[in-house]
Protein backbone atom coordinates (compact mmCIF):
# COMPACT_ATOMS: atom_id res chain seq x y z
CA MET A 1 105.49 117.76 120.09
CA PHE A 2 106.25 118.74 123.68
CA ALA A 3 109.43 120.69 122.75
CA ASP A 4 112.15 118.45 124.19
CA ARG A 5 110.33 117.98 127.52
CA GLN A 6 110.26 114.70 129.37
CA VAL A 7 106.90 113.01 128.69
CA VAL A 8 105.33 110.66 131.22
CA LEU A 9 102.47 108.35 130.37
CA ALA A 10 100.34 107.68 133.46
CA SER A 11 99.22 104.34 132.11
CA ALA A 12 100.30 100.73 131.67
CA SER A 13 98.47 100.48 128.33
CA PRO A 14 100.68 99.01 125.60
CA ARG A 15 98.29 100.51 123.04
CA ARG A 16 98.76 104.06 124.33
CA LEU A 17 102.51 103.55 124.46
CA GLU A 18 102.55 102.34 120.84
CA ILE A 19 100.50 105.34 119.67
CA LEU A 20 102.96 107.75 121.31
CA ARG A 21 105.89 105.92 119.76
CA GLN A 22 104.21 106.10 116.34
CA ILE A 23 104.13 109.88 116.59
CA GLY A 24 107.77 110.13 117.74
CA ILE A 25 107.36 110.33 121.52
CA GLU A 26 109.17 107.94 123.82
CA PRO A 27 107.49 108.44 127.21
CA GLU A 28 108.48 107.22 130.59
CA LEU A 29 105.79 104.87 131.90
CA CYS A 30 104.23 105.62 135.27
CA PRO A 31 101.25 103.31 135.74
CA VAL A 32 98.98 104.65 138.44
CA ASP A 33 96.39 102.85 140.51
CA ILE A 34 93.27 104.91 140.96
CA ASP A 35 89.70 103.86 141.58
CA GLU A 36 88.02 104.67 138.28
CA ASP A 37 84.49 105.96 138.68
CA ASN A 38 82.32 104.72 135.82
CA THR A 39 79.07 106.29 136.98
CA ILE A 40 77.20 108.69 134.72
CA SER A 41 74.47 110.99 136.02
CA PRO A 42 72.55 114.09 134.94
CA GLN A 43 75.49 116.09 136.33
CA ARG A 44 78.18 114.02 134.61
CA ASP A 45 77.93 112.55 131.13
CA GLU A 46 80.35 110.10 129.47
CA GLU A 47 82.69 112.83 128.21
CA ALA A 48 82.96 114.35 131.68
CA LEU A 49 83.51 110.91 133.18
CA VAL A 50 86.50 110.00 130.98
CA SER A 51 87.90 113.53 131.31
CA GLU A 52 87.76 113.29 135.12
CA ASN A 53 89.30 109.82 135.21
CA ALA A 54 92.09 110.95 132.85
CA ALA A 55 92.77 113.98 135.09
CA ARG A 56 92.87 111.78 138.22
CA LYS A 57 95.44 109.50 136.56
CA ALA A 58 97.58 112.44 135.43
CA GLN A 59 97.40 114.05 138.87
CA ALA A 60 98.44 110.83 140.57
CA ALA A 61 101.61 110.74 138.43
CA ALA A 62 102.32 114.50 138.38
CA GLY A 63 103.42 114.59 142.01
CA LEU A 64 106.29 112.24 141.16
CA TYR A 65 107.91 114.51 138.54
CA ALA A 66 109.27 118.05 139.01
CA ASP A 67 109.62 118.89 135.31
CA ALA A 68 107.63 116.75 132.90
CA ILE A 69 104.53 116.69 130.76
CA ILE A 70 102.18 114.09 132.21
CA ILE A 71 99.61 112.37 129.98
CA GLY A 72 96.60 110.74 131.60
CA ALA A 73 93.96 108.93 129.54
CA ASP A 74 90.78 106.94 130.07
CA THR A 75 88.49 105.08 127.69
CA ILE A 76 85.01 103.68 128.06
CA VAL A 77 82.47 102.05 125.76
CA ALA A 78 78.81 103.06 126.15
CA LEU A 79 75.62 101.64 124.70
CA ASP A 80 72.20 103.05 125.60
CA GLY A 81 73.49 104.67 128.80
CA VAL A 82 75.31 101.54 130.00
CA ILE A 83 79.07 101.78 130.53
CA PHE A 84 81.25 98.88 129.45
CA GLY A 85 84.62 98.97 131.15
CA LYS A 86 87.15 96.15 131.17
CA PRO A 87 85.45 92.78 131.69
CA ALA A 88 86.14 90.98 134.96
CA ASP A 89 86.07 87.54 133.36
CA ARG A 90 85.11 85.52 130.28
CA ALA A 91 81.39 85.51 131.12
CA GLU A 92 81.27 89.29 131.43
CA ALA A 93 83.28 89.70 128.21
CA ARG A 94 80.78 87.45 126.40
CA GLN A 95 77.86 89.48 127.78
CA MET A 96 79.45 92.72 126.54
CA LEU A 97 80.12 91.37 123.05
CA GLU A 98 76.58 89.94 122.81
CA ALA A 99 75.17 93.35 123.87
CA LEU A 100 77.29 95.21 121.29
CA SER A 101 76.45 92.73 118.50
CA GLY A 102 74.30 94.30 115.82
CA HIS A 103 74.37 97.75 117.37
CA THR A 104 76.19 101.07 117.15
CA HIS A 105 77.89 102.08 120.37
CA LYS A 106 80.07 105.02 121.38
CA VAL A 107 83.67 104.97 122.57
CA TYR A 108 84.80 107.90 124.70
CA SER A 109 88.47 108.66 125.40
CA GLY A 110 89.49 111.41 127.78
CA VAL A 111 92.97 112.96 127.85
CA CYS A 112 94.56 115.23 130.46
CA LEU A 113 97.94 116.93 130.16
CA ILE A 114 99.70 118.35 133.19
CA ASP A 115 102.90 120.41 133.09
CA SER A 116 104.41 119.46 136.44
CA ARG A 117 106.84 122.41 136.24
CA SER A 118 104.12 125.08 136.03
CA GLY A 119 101.25 123.11 137.50
CA LYS A 120 99.06 123.99 134.50
CA SER A 121 96.72 121.38 133.13
CA VAL A 122 94.31 120.96 130.24
CA GLY A 123 91.96 118.17 129.30
CA GLY A 124 89.20 117.07 127.00
CA ALA A 125 87.41 114.11 125.46
CA SER A 126 86.78 112.60 122.07
CA VAL A 127 83.94 110.32 120.97
CA CYS A 128 83.68 107.82 118.11
CA GLU A 129 80.73 105.70 117.00
CA VAL A 130 81.47 102.03 116.32
CA THR A 131 79.02 99.67 114.59
CA PHE A 132 79.18 95.90 115.03
CA PRO A 133 77.40 93.58 112.61
CA ARG A 134 75.29 90.82 114.13
CA LEU A 135 77.93 88.48 115.54
CA LYS A 136 77.57 84.72 115.45
CA GLU A 137 78.10 82.82 118.69
CA ARG A 138 81.09 81.10 117.10
CA GLU A 139 82.72 84.47 116.29
CA ILE A 140 82.33 85.60 119.89
CA GLU A 141 83.73 82.34 121.30
CA GLU A 142 86.72 82.40 118.93
CA TYR A 143 87.44 85.98 119.93
CA LEU A 144 87.19 85.09 123.61
CA ASP A 145 89.56 82.15 123.02
CA SER A 146 92.14 84.57 121.62
CA GLY A 147 92.47 86.16 125.07
CA GLU A 148 92.42 89.63 123.55
CA PRO A 149 89.20 91.03 125.14
CA PHE A 150 90.12 90.88 128.79
CA ASP A 151 92.07 94.11 129.31
CA LYS A 152 90.03 96.34 127.05
CA ALA A 153 86.98 98.51 127.56
CA GLY A 154 83.99 96.89 125.91
CA ALA A 155 85.86 93.58 125.66
CA TYR A 156 87.40 94.27 122.24
CA GLY A 157 90.45 95.88 120.70
CA ILE A 158 89.95 97.45 117.28
CA GLN A 159 93.71 97.47 116.66
CA GLY A 160 93.90 93.67 116.93
CA ARG A 161 91.65 90.73 116.15
CA GLY A 162 88.73 92.81 117.37
CA ALA A 163 88.89 94.64 114.04
CA LEU A 164 87.07 91.62 112.61
CA LEU A 165 84.09 92.42 114.85
CA VAL A 166 83.69 95.97 113.52
CA ASP A 167 81.53 96.86 110.55
CA HIS A 168 82.49 100.55 110.51
CA ILE A 169 83.38 103.54 112.61
CA ASP A 170 82.37 107.18 112.48
CA GLY A 171 85.08 109.32 114.10
CA ASP A 172 88.68 109.12 115.20
CA TYR A 173 90.13 105.60 115.11
CA TYR A 174 92.62 106.53 117.85
CA THR A 175 89.75 107.39 120.17
CA VAL A 176 88.73 103.72 119.98
CA VAL A 177 92.29 102.53 120.57
CA GLY A 178 92.49 104.72 123.66
CA LEU A 179 94.54 107.84 122.89
CA PRO A 180 93.01 110.30 120.40
CA VAL A 181 96.02 111.84 118.66
CA ALA A 182 94.15 114.86 117.24
CA LEU A 183 92.87 115.76 120.71
CA LEU A 184 96.32 115.20 122.21
CA ARG A 185 97.81 117.64 119.68
CA ARG A 186 95.15 120.30 120.36
CA LEU A 187 95.68 119.98 124.12
CA GLU A 188 99.47 120.22 123.69
CA ILE A 189 99.04 123.51 121.79
CA ILE A 190 96.67 124.91 124.43
CA LEU A 191 99.03 123.89 127.26
CA ALA A 192 102.01 125.50 125.48
CA MET A 193 100.11 128.77 125.13
CA ALA A 194 98.81 128.78 128.75
């Protein structure tokens, strides 16, 4: 992928870095600090939201590189029109997990690629449904004690101990982790042809 070009990941996410390494890409990390907008409206649904946030991240990093492929990504969890970002503290993480317990929610991951040499960009989003069984209070507290939920949208990580909270998924596992590989590949092909 990316034909011997420098690849820059506009993220500090260790999960996104690990996914890229798994598929043979060793990116340069360029964490960016943008104000993520997690507001949905009739004019902007969840897919548009994560696509826009991913593009804003990629754009923030693109100006720092003259000849690279920049990858921006964003992930949110949504249940009944409510967006679950990263929890601010233990109490908010507990509230999120209690809300997700016994329900099917959706995880949206947006990806944007920018070729800083040509200025061309392409983006899109992927969605996956995730079902939690009814969680016991003890399960939630043990998961909170692990420290894992606090830097993850929806207060869980499916690639870690959070896998024990999931009954099943319908869609791309990598969407839930935060970087949908199938979408990334499609976008890379489109960008190469642009």
